[in-house]
């Protein structure tokens, strides 16, 4: 039996930590430390980058739909007994270092798909993969193919390489199981529209702008609506017993790989729409992953 009081105590502690970590004074201190570590030229580039980002933020607020950030919540989920869960990530070319989970469950295993076995992890089971045929898209391939765990596990939980698990994540599996699609994700913390996310990608220089514009224009010509919804794809919970999981995730991969946008968030709501589903058919993990006390998100190493 899970010790729910212990889990909640851990999450309450992490909630306090996250509130402090994201406070203005701590962010200012981190910026000062970054600046003092570098020489003058690097300082200039860093300050300039932050000024440009601030200007970009103002433009984005004027041009995109902003979610009410005051009403933050996360979904605790319900304990599930006797289920086997695979938590996994994919890191190649040394882009990140997998974060060791703080909380471990007996029926949960952690898998790291990588192009180079390091044997340096305590809790991650390293699985060597061949990236040569995936053209630098190995991470997305595994992200969108949770069915690699079909034969042994009931649920698969994908996490980005910069995510550290702090508490019991198996409770999140009930949210995926109770959803129509068998998939649970966080809502986007600031936007609810793929078209507005395109604007954000432009200002933050994320993804292939030309390909993003082409794809979004195609979506619009097909009738894909504005404000359909938008999710964060940093943590994805899959119910491997739900047949829609494979259908949706493989279509997500197909469109992503074919169109070379380098941004998977804008594609997911379109896939949901194409299957005559709505974003309410996706299990809701909360509306701000950065403040979900089950995780800590770090910058990429």
C-alpha atoms as a PDB file:
ATOM      1  CA  UNK A   1       0.000   0.000   0.000  1.00  0.00           C
ATOM      2  CA  UNK A   2       1.192   3.500  -0.827  1.00  0.00           C
ATOM      3  CA  UNK A   3       1.888   5.877   2.029  1.00  0.00           C
ATOM      4  CA  UNK A   4      -0.281   8.745   0.787  1.00  0.00           C
ATOM      5  CA  UNK A   5       0.581  11.006   3.722  1.00  0.00           C
ATOM      6  CA  UNK A   6       4.283  10.582   2.997  1.00  0.00           C
ATOM      7  CA  UNK A   7       3.753  11.362  -0.687  1.00  0.00           C
ATOM      8  CA  UNK A   8       1.756  14.480   0.129  1.00  0.00           C
ATOM      9  CA  UNK A   9       4.402  15.637   2.626  1.00  0.00           C
ATOM     10  CA  UNK A  10       7.117  15.318  -0.047  1.00  0.00           C
ATOM     11  CA  UNK A  11       5.008  17.268  -2.533  1.00  0.00           C
ATOM     12  CA  UNK A  12       4.217  20.020  -0.036  1.00  0.00           C
ATOM     13  CA  UNK A  13       7.936  20.409   0.647  1.00  0.00           C
ATOM     14  CA  UNK A  14       8.709  20.543  -3.078  1.00  0.00           C
ATOM     15  CA  UNK A  15       5.898  23.056  -3.597  1.00  0.00           C
ATOM     16  CA  UNK A  16       7.607  25.405  -1.134  1.00  0.00           C
ATOM     17  CA  UNK A  17      10.943  24.860  -2.867  1.00  0.00           C
ATOM     18  CA  UNK A  18       9.463  25.611  -6.314  1.00  0.00           C
ATOM     19  CA  UNK A  19       7.824  28.785  -5.045  1.00  0.00           C
ATOM     20  CA  UNK A  20      11.199  29.995  -3.791  1.00  0.00           C
ATOM     21  CA  UNK A  21      13.111  28.746  -6.870  1.00  0.00           C
ATOM     22  CA  UNK A  22      10.834  30.675  -9.257  1.00  0.00           C
ATOM     23  CA  UNK A  23      10.686  33.833  -7.134  1.00  0.00           C
ATOM     24  CA  UNK A  24      11.988  37.084  -8.639  1.00  0.00           C
ATOM     25  CA  UNK A  25      14.834  37.471  -6.141  1.00  0.00           C
ATOM     26  CA  UNK A  26      16.205  33.967  -6.768  1.00  0.00           C
ATOM     27  CA  UNK A  27      15.924  34.390 -10.556  1.00  0.00           C
ATOM     28  CA  UNK A  28      17.801  37.694 -10.268  1.00  0.00           C
ATOM     29  CA  UNK A  29      20.526  36.014  -8.214  1.00  0.00           C
ATOM     30  CA  UNK A  30      20.895  33.242 -10.830  1.00  0.00           C
ATOM     31  CA  UNK A  31      21.250  35.824 -13.590  1.00  0.00           C
ATOM     32  CA  UNK A  32      23.897  37.744 -11.650  1.00  0.00           C
ATOM     33  CA  UNK A  33      25.882  34.546 -11.048  1.00  0.00           C
ATOM     34  CA  UNK A  34      25.768  33.699 -14.764  1.00  0.00           C
ATOM     35  CA  UNK A  35      26.994  37.182 -15.685  1.00  0.00           C
ATOM     36  CA  UNK A  36      29.869  37.233 -13.177  1.00  0.00           C
ATOM     37  CA  UNK A  37      31.082  33.830 -14.403  1.00  0.00           C
ATOM     38  CA  UNK A  38      31.725  35.137 -17.913  1.00  0.00           C
ATOM     39  CA  UNK A  39      34.037  37.688 -19.488  1.00  0.00           C
ATOM     40  CA  UNK A  40      32.875  41.075 -20.802  1.00  0.00           C
ATOM     41  CA  UNK A  41      31.932  39.897 -24.290  1.00  0.00           C
ATOM     42  CA  UNK A  42      29.879  37.030 -22.925  1.00  0.00           C
ATOM     43  CA  UNK A  43      28.285  39.369 -20.379  1.00  0.00           C
ATOM     44  CA  UNK A  44      27.250  41.712 -23.172  1.00  0.00           C
ATOM     45  CA  UNK A  45      25.731  38.889 -25.210  1.00  0.00           C
ATOM     46  CA  UNK A  46      23.879  37.530 -22.167  1.00  0.00           C
ATOM     47  CA  UNK A  47      22.441  40.929 -21.188  1.00  0.00           C
ATOM     48  CA  UNK A  48      21.459  41.628 -24.794  1.00  0.00           C
ATOM     49  CA  UNK A  49      19.777  38.233 -25.043  1.00  0.00           C
ATOM     50  CA  UNK A  50      17.745  38.911 -21.897  1.00  0.00           C
ATOM     51  CA  UNK A  51      16.692  42.361 -23.105  1.00  0.00           C
ATOM     52  CA  UNK A  52      15.562  40.897 -26.435  1.00  0.00           C
ATOM     53  CA  UNK A  53      13.694  38.163 -24.583  1.00  0.00           C
ATOM     54  CA  UNK A  54      11.918  40.780 -22.454  1.00  0.00           C
ATOM     55  CA  UNK A  55      10.883  42.691 -25.572  1.00  0.00           C
ATOM     56  CA  UNK A  56       9.709  39.410 -27.055  1.00  0.00           C
ATOM     57  CA  UNK A  57       7.649  38.700 -23.945  1.00  0.00           C
ATOM     58  CA  UNK A  58       5.866  42.035 -24.301  1.00  0.00           C
ATOM     59  CA  UNK A  59       5.123  41.363 -27.967  1.00  0.00           C
ATOM     60  CA  UNK A  60       3.870  37.887 -27.200  1.00  0.00           C
ATOM     61  CA  UNK A  61       1.543  39.208 -24.495  1.00  0.00           C
ATOM     62  CA  UNK A  62       0.121  41.650 -27.023  1.00  0.00           C
ATOM     63  CA  UNK A  63      -0.244  39.083 -29.784  1.00  0.00           C
ATOM     64  CA  UNK A  64      -1.177  35.855 -28.030  1.00  0.00           C
ATOM     65  CA  UNK A  65      -3.928  34.619 -25.770  1.00  0.00           C
ATOM     66  CA  UNK A  66      -2.690  34.449 -22.201  1.00  0.00           C
ATOM     67  CA  UNK A  67      -4.019  31.948 -19.702  1.00  0.00           C
ATOM     68  CA  UNK A  68      -4.943  33.132 -16.206  1.00  0.00           C
ATOM     69  CA  UNK A  69      -1.776  32.186 -14.322  1.00  0.00           C
ATOM     70  CA  UNK A  70      -3.231  33.025 -10.908  1.00  0.00           C
ATOM     71  CA  UNK A  71      -5.376  29.903 -10.842  1.00  0.00           C
ATOM     72  CA  UNK A  72      -2.623  27.290 -10.780  1.00  0.00           C
ATOM     73  CA  UNK A  73      -3.388  23.686  -9.952  1.00  0.00           C
ATOM     74  CA  UNK A  74      -2.153  20.162 -10.479  1.00  0.00           C
ATOM     75  CA  UNK A  75      -3.978  16.848 -10.522  1.00  0.00           C
ATOM     76  CA  UNK A  76      -2.785  14.436  -7.826  1.00  0.00           C
ATOM     77  CA  UNK A  77      -4.496  11.432  -9.390  1.00  0.00           C
ATOM     78  CA  UNK A  78      -5.591   8.279  -7.581  1.00  0.00           C
ATOM     79  CA  UNK A  79      -3.361   5.474  -6.303  1.00  0.00           C
ATOM     80  CA  UNK A  80      -3.364   2.358  -8.485  1.00  0.00           C
ATOM     81  CA  UNK A  81      -2.253  -0.919  -6.999  1.00  0.00           C
ATOM     82  CA  UNK A  82      -0.683  -3.782  -8.939  1.00  0.00           C
ATOM     83  CA  UNK A  83       0.195  -1.853 -12.091  1.00  0.00           C
ATOM     84  CA  UNK A  84       3.592  -1.878 -13.781  1.00  0.00           C
ATOM     85  CA  UNK A  85       4.904   1.493 -14.911  1.00  0.00           C
ATOM     86  CA  UNK A  86       7.826   2.367 -17.202  1.00  0.00           C
ATOM     87  CA  UNK A  87       9.163   5.904 -16.824  1.00  0.00           C
ATOM     88  CA  UNK A  88      11.468   6.726 -19.711  1.00  0.00           C
ATOM     89  CA  UNK A  89      13.438   9.370 -21.523  1.00  0.00           C
ATOM     90  CA  UNK A  90      15.797   9.535 -24.481  1.00  0.00           C
ATOM     91  CA  UNK A  91      19.075  11.457 -24.420  1.00  0.00           C
ATOM     92  CA  UNK A  92      21.615  11.333 -27.240  1.00  0.00           C
ATOM     93  CA  UNK A  93      24.871  13.067 -28.119  1.00  0.00           C
ATOM     94  CA  UNK A  94      25.323  14.174 -24.507  1.00  0.00           C
ATOM     95  CA  UNK A  95      22.580  16.798 -24.798  1.00  0.00           C
ATOM     96  CA  UNK A  96      21.442  16.230 -21.221  1.00  0.00           C
ATOM     97  CA  UNK A  97      22.245  14.164 -18.153  1.00  0.00           C
ATOM     98  CA  UNK A  98      19.299  12.147 -16.859  1.00  0.00           C
ATOM     99  CA  UNK A  99      18.174  13.295 -13.403  1.00  0.00           C
ATOM    100  CA  UNK A 100      18.082  10.521 -10.808  1.00  0.00           C
ATOM    101  CA  UNK A 101      14.538  10.141  -9.398  1.00  0.00           C
ATOM    102  CA  UNK A 102      14.121  10.994  -5.731  1.00  0.00           C
ATOM    103  CA  UNK A 103      11.134   8.727  -5.143  1.00  0.00           C
ATOM    104  CA  UNK A 104      11.022   5.076  -6.243  1.00  0.00           C
ATOM    105  CA  UNK A 105       8.103   2.628  -6.435  1.00  0.00           C
ATOM    106  CA  UNK A 106       8.500  -1.155  -6.482  1.00  0.00           C
ATOM    107  CA  UNK A 107       6.559  -1.628  -9.730  1.00  0.00           C
ATOM    108  CA  UNK A 108       8.157   1.332 -11.525  1.00  0.00           C
ATOM    109  CA  UNK A 109      11.298   1.109 -13.664  1.00  0.00           C
ATOM    110  CA  UNK A 110      13.262   3.970 -15.179  1.00  0.00           C
ATOM    111  CA  UNK A 111      14.608   3.547 -18.720  1.00  0.00           C
ATOM    112  CA  UNK A 112      17.123   5.779 -20.469  1.00  0.00           C
ATOM    113  CA  UNK A 113      17.419   5.310 -24.234  1.00  0.00           C
ATOM    114  CA  UNK A 114      20.820   6.564 -25.326  1.00  0.00           C
ATOM    115  CA  UNK A 115      23.411   6.228 -28.069  1.00  0.00           C
ATOM    116  CA  UNK A 116      26.205   5.648 -25.555  1.00  0.00           C
ATOM    117  CA  UNK A 117      25.999   3.496 -22.418  1.00  0.00           C
ATOM    118  CA  UNK A 118      27.724   5.227 -19.500  1.00  0.00           C
ATOM    119  CA  UNK A 119      26.958   2.913 -16.535  1.00  0.00           C
ATOM    120  CA  UNK A 120      26.979   5.992 -14.283  1.00  0.00           C
ATOM    121  CA  UNK A 121      23.351   5.910 -13.175  1.00  0.00           C
ATOM    122  CA  UNK A 122      21.933   4.274 -10.064  1.00  0.00           C
ATOM    123  CA  UNK A 123      18.247   4.088 -10.959  1.00  0.00           C
ATOM    124  CA  UNK A 124      18.155   4.458 -14.738  1.00  0.00           C
ATOM    125  CA  UNK A 125      18.325   1.292 -16.853  1.00  0.00           C
ATOM    126  CA  UNK A 126      20.326   2.314 -19.921  1.00  0.00           C
ATOM    127  CA  UNK A 127      19.212   0.987 -23.315  1.00  0.00           C
ATOM    128  CA  UNK A 128      21.583   1.544 -26.223  1.00  0.00           C
ATOM    129  CA  UNK A 129      19.944   2.678 -29.462  1.00  0.00           C
ATOM    130  CA  UNK A 130      21.080   3.272 -33.042  1.00  0.00           C
ATOM    131  CA  UNK A 131      20.349   6.888 -34.013  1.00  0.00           C
ATOM    132  CA  UNK A 132      21.808   6.715 -37.524  1.00  0.00           C
ATOM    133  CA  UNK A 133      18.444   6.273 -39.263  1.00  0.00           C
ATOM    134  CA  UNK A 134      16.545   8.875 -37.250  1.00  0.00           C
ATOM    135  CA  UNK A 135      18.441  12.008 -38.319  1.00  0.00           C
ATOM    136  CA  UNK A 136      18.761  13.573 -34.853  1.00  0.00           C
ATOM    137  CA  UNK A 137      15.144  12.763 -33.993  1.00  0.00           C
ATOM    138  CA  UNK A 138      15.702   9.760 -31.708  1.00  0.00           C
ATOM    139  CA  UNK A 139      14.220  11.584 -28.725  1.00  0.00           C
ATOM    140  CA  UNK A 140      10.963  12.330 -30.542  1.00  0.00           C
ATOM    141  CA  UNK A 141      10.783   8.820 -31.973  1.00  0.00           C
ATOM    142  CA  UNK A 142      10.831   7.232 -28.520  1.00  0.00           C
ATOM    143  CA  UNK A 143       8.645   9.977 -27.106  1.00  0.00           C
ATOM    144  CA  UNK A 144       5.921   9.070 -29.626  1.00  0.00           C
ATOM    145  CA  UNK A 145       6.361   5.283 -29.452  1.00  0.00           C
ATOM    146  CA  UNK A 146       5.382   4.258 -25.903  1.00  0.00           C
ATOM    147  CA  UNK A 147       4.187   0.942 -27.331  1.00  0.00           C
ATOM    148  CA  UNK A 148       7.773  -0.339 -27.064  1.00  0.00           C
ATOM    149  CA  UNK A 149       6.660  -1.239 -23.507  1.00  0.00           C
ATOM    150  CA  UNK A 150       3.383  -2.920 -24.524  1.00  0.00           C
ATOM    151  CA  UNK A 151       4.323  -6.474 -23.604  1.00  0.00           C
ATOM    152  CA  UNK A 152       5.590  -5.831 -20.065  1.00  0.00           C
ATOM    153  CA  UNK A 153       4.001  -2.658 -18.682  1.00  0.00           C
ATOM    154  CA  UNK A 154       0.545  -1.211 -18.084  1.00  0.00           C
ATOM    155  CA  UNK A 155       1.618   2.432 -18.357  1.00  0.00           C
ATOM    156  CA  UNK A 156       4.503   4.367 -19.868  1.00  0.00           C
ATOM    157  CA  UNK A 157       5.441   7.855 -18.675  1.00  0.00           C
ATOM    158  CA  UNK A 158       7.704   9.884 -20.958  1.00  0.00           C
ATOM    159  CA  UNK A 159       9.713  12.708 -19.354  1.00  0.00           C
ATOM    160  CA  UNK A 160      12.135  15.175 -20.951  1.00  0.00           C
ATOM    161  CA  UNK A 161      15.792  14.800 -20.040  1.00  0.00           C
ATOM    162  CA  UNK A 162      15.707  17.895 -17.807  1.00  0.00           C
ATOM    163  CA  UNK A 163      12.915  16.549 -15.564  1.00  0.00           C
ATOM    164  CA  UNK A 164      13.631  15.187 -12.085  1.00  0.00           C
ATOM    165  CA  UNK A 165      10.955  13.005 -10.500  1.00  0.00           C
ATOM    166  CA  UNK A 166      10.405  14.026  -6.876  1.00  0.00           C
ATOM    167  CA  UNK A 167       7.310  12.089  -5.841  1.00  0.00           C
ATOM    168  CA  UNK A 168       5.151   9.109  -6.782  1.00  0.00           C
ATOM    169  CA  UNK A 169       4.191   9.462 -10.454  1.00  0.00           C
ATOM    170  CA  UNK A 170       2.150   6.274 -10.615  1.00  0.00           C
ATOM    171  CA  UNK A 171      -0.869   8.154  -9.249  1.00  0.00           C
ATOM    172  CA  UNK A 172      -0.868  10.097 -12.533  1.00  0.00           C
ATOM    173  CA  UNK A 173      -1.612   6.875 -14.388  1.00  0.00           C
ATOM    174  CA  UNK A 174      -5.192   6.936 -13.120  1.00  0.00           C
ATOM    175  CA  UNK A 175      -5.689  10.263 -14.914  1.00  0.00           C
ATOM    176  CA  UNK A 176      -4.630   8.702 -18.220  1.00  0.00           C
ATOM    177  CA  UNK A 177      -6.751   5.609 -17.583  1.00  0.00           C
ATOM    178  CA  UNK A 178      -9.844   7.718 -16.826  1.00  0.00           C
ATOM    179  CA  UNK A 179      -9.450   9.758 -20.027  1.00  0.00           C
ATOM    180  CA  UNK A 180     -10.972   8.831 -23.374  1.00  0.00           C
ATOM    181  CA  UNK A 181      -7.630   8.852 -25.180  1.00  0.00           C
ATOM    182  CA  UNK A 182      -5.524   7.090 -22.533  1.00  0.00           C
ATOM    183  CA  UNK A 183      -3.132  10.053 -22.609  1.00  0.00           C
ATOM    184  CA  UNK A 184      -2.540  12.611 -19.838  1.00  0.00           C
ATOM    185  CA  UNK A 185      -0.506  15.826 -20.133  1.00  0.00           C
ATOM    186  CA  UNK A 186      -0.177  19.275 -18.591  1.00  0.00           C
ATOM    187  CA  UNK A 187      -2.010  22.150 -20.191  1.00  0.00           C
ATOM    188  CA  UNK A 188       0.242  24.829 -21.627  1.00  0.00           C
ATOM    189  CA  UNK A 189       1.050  27.324 -18.876  1.00  0.00           C
ATOM    190  CA  UNK A 190       0.438  30.445 -20.996  1.00  0.00           C
ATOM    191  CA  UNK A 191      -1.455  29.685 -24.212  1.00  0.00           C
ATOM    192  CA  UNK A 192      -4.393  27.621 -25.433  1.00  0.00           C
ATOM    193  CA  UNK A 193      -3.935  28.004 -29.175  1.00  0.00           C
ATOM    194  CA  UNK A 194      -1.507  26.386 -31.638  1.00  0.00           C
ATOM    195  CA  UNK A 195      -1.639  29.453 -33.895  1.00  0.00           C
ATOM    196  CA  UNK A 196      -0.543  31.675 -31.017  1.00  0.00           C
ATOM    197  CA  UNK A 197       2.207  29.202 -30.177  1.00  0.00           C
ATOM    198  CA  UNK A 198       3.497  29.773 -33.706  1.00  0.00           C
ATOM    199  CA  UNK A 199       3.944  33.459 -32.836  1.00  0.00           C
ATOM    200  CA  UNK A 200       5.837  32.519 -29.662  1.00  0.00           C
ATOM    201  CA  UNK A 201       8.094  30.182 -31.664  1.00  0.00           C
ATOM    202  CA  UNK A 202       8.916  33.056 -34.001  1.00  0.00           C
ATOM    203  CA  UNK A 203       9.952  35.461 -31.232  1.00  0.00           C
ATOM    204  CA  UNK A 204      11.868  32.861 -29.250  1.00  0.00           C
ATOM    205  CA  UNK A 205      13.462  31.458 -32.432  1.00  0.00           C
ATOM    206  CA  UNK A 206      12.278  27.935 -31.728  1.00  0.00           C
ATOM    207  CA  UNK A 207      11.950  25.337 -34.446  1.00  0.00           C
ATOM    208  CA  UNK A 208      12.077  25.739 -38.219  1.00  0.00           C
ATOM    209  CA  UNK A 209      10.068  28.913 -38.851  1.00  0.00           C
ATOM    210  CA  UNK A 210       9.486  28.276 -42.537  1.00  0.00           C
ATOM    211  CA  UNK A 211       8.234  24.732 -41.943  1.00  0.00           C
ATOM    212  CA  UNK A 212       6.087  25.838 -38.988  1.00  0.00           C
ATOM    213  CA  UNK A 213       4.377  28.485 -41.126  1.00  0.00           C
ATOM    214  CA  UNK A 214       3.788  26.020 -43.954  1.00  0.00           C
ATOM    215  CA  UNK A 215       2.293  23.436 -41.621  1.00  0.00           C
ATOM    216  CA  UNK A 216       0.073  25.876 -39.731  1.00  0.00           C
ATOM    217  CA  UNK A 217      -1.224  27.287 -43.028  1.00  0.00           C
ATOM    218  CA  UNK A 218      -2.109  23.733 -44.045  1.00  0.00           C
ATOM    219  CA  UNK A 219      -3.898  23.201 -40.734  1.00  0.00           C
ATOM    220  CA  UNK A 220      -5.900  26.404 -41.255  1.00  0.00           C
ATOM    221  CA  UNK A 221      -6.858  25.434 -44.825  1.00  0.00           C
ATOM    222  CA  UNK A 222      -8.283  22.179 -43.457  1.00  0.00           C
ATOM    223  CA  UNK A 223     -10.418  24.073 -40.947  1.00  0.00           C
ATOM    224  CA  UNK A 224      -8.405  23.427 -37.768  1.00  0.00           C
ATOM    225  CA  UNK A 225      -9.823  26.039 -35.342  1.00  0.00           C
ATOM    226  CA  UNK A 226      -8.104  28.637 -33.188  1.00  0.00           C
ATOM    227  CA  UNK A 227      -8.113  28.199 -29.399  1.00  0.00           C
ATOM    228  CA  UNK A 228      -8.626  24.458 -29.722  1.00  0.00           C
ATOM    229  CA  UNK A 229      -6.252  23.935 -26.778  1.00  0.00           C
ATOM    230  CA  UNK A 230      -2.554  23.415 -26.188  1.00  0.00           C
ATOM    231  CA  UNK A 231      -0.577  21.024 -24.004  1.00  0.00           C
ATOM    232  CA  UNK A 232       2.951  20.875 -22.628  1.00  0.00           C
ATOM    233  CA  UNK A 233       4.727  17.785 -23.978  1.00  0.00           C
ATOM    234  CA  UNK A 234       7.386  17.639 -21.257  1.00  0.00           C
ATOM    235  CA  UNK A 235       5.651  14.839 -19.332  1.00  0.00           C
ATOM    236  CA  UNK A 236       3.273  12.428 -21.078  1.00  0.00           C
ATOM    237  CA  UNK A 237       1.420   9.592 -19.354  1.00  0.00           C
ATOM    238  CA  UNK A 238       0.275   6.759 -21.639  1.00  0.00           C
ATOM    239  CA  UNK A 239      -2.220   4.022 -20.751  1.00  0.00           C
ATOM    240  CA  UNK A 240      -0.827   1.186 -22.853  1.00  0.00           C
ATOM    241  CA  UNK A 241      -4.106  -0.733 -22.659  1.00  0.00           C
ATOM    242  CA  UNK A 242      -5.999   2.016 -24.512  1.00  0.00           C
ATOM    243  CA  UNK A 243      -5.962   1.422 -28.313  1.00  0.00           C
ATOM    244  CA  UNK A 244      -6.124   5.176 -29.015  1.00  0.00           C
ATOM    245  CA  UNK A 245      -2.656   5.675 -27.521  1.00  0.00           C
ATOM    246  CA  UNK A 246      -0.827   3.966 -30.367  1.00  0.00           C
ATOM    247  CA  UNK A 247      -3.090   5.541 -32.972  1.00  0.00           C
ATOM    248  CA  UNK A 248      -2.576   9.097 -31.706  1.00  0.00           C
ATOM    249  CA  UNK A 249       1.123   8.885 -30.798  1.00  0.00           C
ATOM    250  CA  UNK A 250       2.132   7.296 -34.114  1.00  0.00           C
ATOM    251  CA  UNK A 251       0.197   9.905 -36.113  1.00  0.00           C
ATOM    252  CA  UNK A 252       1.892  12.596 -34.000  1.00  0.00           C
ATOM    253  CA  UNK A 253       5.282  11.144 -34.945  1.00  0.00           C
ATOM    254  CA  UNK A 254       4.324  10.789 -38.633  1.00  0.00           C
ATOM    255  CA  UNK A 255       3.333  14.445 -39.012  1.00  0.00           C
ATOM    256  CA  UNK A 256       6.235  15.699 -36.903  1.00  0.00           C
ATOM    257  CA  UNK A 257       8.902  13.731 -38.795  1.00  0.00           C
ATOM    258  CA  UNK A 258       7.462  14.441 -42.233  1.00  0.00           C
ATOM    259  CA  UNK A 259       7.152  18.208 -41.817  1.00  0.00           C
ATOM    260  CA  UNK A 260      10.473  19.010 -40.080  1.00  0.00           C
ATOM    261  CA  UNK A 261       9.055  21.773 -37.880  1.00  0.00           C
ATOM    262  CA  UNK A 262      11.133  20.730 -34.830  1.00  0.00           C
ATOM    263  CA  UNK A 263       8.140  21.679 -32.636  1.00  0.00           C
ATOM    264  CA  UNK A 264       5.814  18.895 -31.541  1.00  0.00           C
ATOM    265  CA  UNK A 265       3.483  20.978 -29.326  1.00  0.00           C
ATOM    266  CA  UNK A 266       1.696  22.649 -32.238  1.00  0.00           C
ATOM    267  CA  UNK A 267       1.018  19.292 -33.934  1.00  0.00           C
ATOM    268  CA  UNK A 268      -0.581  17.435 -31.033  1.00  0.00           C
ATOM    269  CA  UNK A 269      -3.884  19.413 -30.880  1.00  0.00           C
ATOM    270  CA  UNK A 270      -4.254  19.038 -34.642  1.00  0.00           C
ATOM    271  CA  UNK A 271      -3.938  15.248 -34.333  1.00  0.00           C
ATOM    272  CA  UNK A 272      -6.601  15.246 -31.621  1.00  0.00           C
ATOM    273  CA  UNK A 273      -8.880  17.338 -33.831  1.00  0.00           C
ATOM    274  CA  UNK A 274      -8.327  15.075 -36.862  1.00  0.00           C
ATOM    275  CA  UNK A 275      -9.563  12.105 -34.853  1.00  0.00           C
ATOM    276  CA  UNK A 276     -12.759  14.014 -33.941  1.00  0.00           C
ATOM    277  CA  UNK A 277     -11.650  14.315 -30.335  1.00  0.00           C
ATOM    278  CA  UNK A 278     -11.318  17.381 -28.106  1.00  0.00           C
ATOM    279  CA  UNK A 279      -8.625  18.455 -25.675  1.00  0.00           C
ATOM    280  CA  UNK A 280     -10.994  17.545 -22.845  1.00  0.00           C
ATOM    281  CA  UNK A 281     -10.438  13.938 -23.943  1.00  0.00           C
ATOM    282  CA  UNK A 282      -6.832  14.311 -22.751  1.00  0.00           C
ATOM    283  CA  UNK A 283      -6.213  13.630 -19.057  1.00  0.00           C
ATOM    284  CA  UNK A 284      -5.365  16.899 -17.303  1.00  0.00           C
ATOM    285  CA  UNK A 285      -2.212  16.833 -15.118  1.00  0.00           C
ATOM    286  CA  UNK A 286      -2.502  20.528 -14.252  1.00  0.00           C
ATOM    287  CA  UNK A 287      -1.916  23.886 -15.891  1.00  0.00           C
ATOM    288  CA  UNK A 288       1.681  24.644 -14.913  1.00  0.00           C
ATOM    289  CA  UNK A 289       4.253  21.874 -15.063  1.00  0.00           C
ATOM    290  CA  UNK A 290       6.910  24.230 -13.700  1.00  0.00           C
ATOM    291  CA  UNK A 291       5.094  24.306 -10.367  1.00  0.00           C
ATOM    292  CA  UNK A 292       3.899  20.709 -10.233  1.00  0.00           C
ATOM    293  CA  UNK A 293       5.380  19.390  -6.959  1.00  0.00           C
ATOM    294  CA  UNK A 294       5.876  15.926  -8.428  1.00  0.00           C
ATOM    295  CA  UNK A 295       8.735  17.273 -10.560  1.00  0.00           C
ATOM    296  CA  UNK A 296      11.604  19.696 -10.766  1.00  0.00           C
ATOM    297  CA  UNK A 297      12.483  21.032 -14.213  1.00  0.00           C
ATOM    298  CA  UNK A 298      16.060  22.140 -14.713  1.00  0.00           C
ATOM    299  CA  UNK A 299      17.734  23.902 -17.600  1.00  0.00           C
ATOM    300  CA  UNK A 300      19.337  21.540 -20.112  1.00  0.00           C
ATOM    301  CA  UNK A 301      22.856  20.602 -19.043  1.00  0.00           C
END
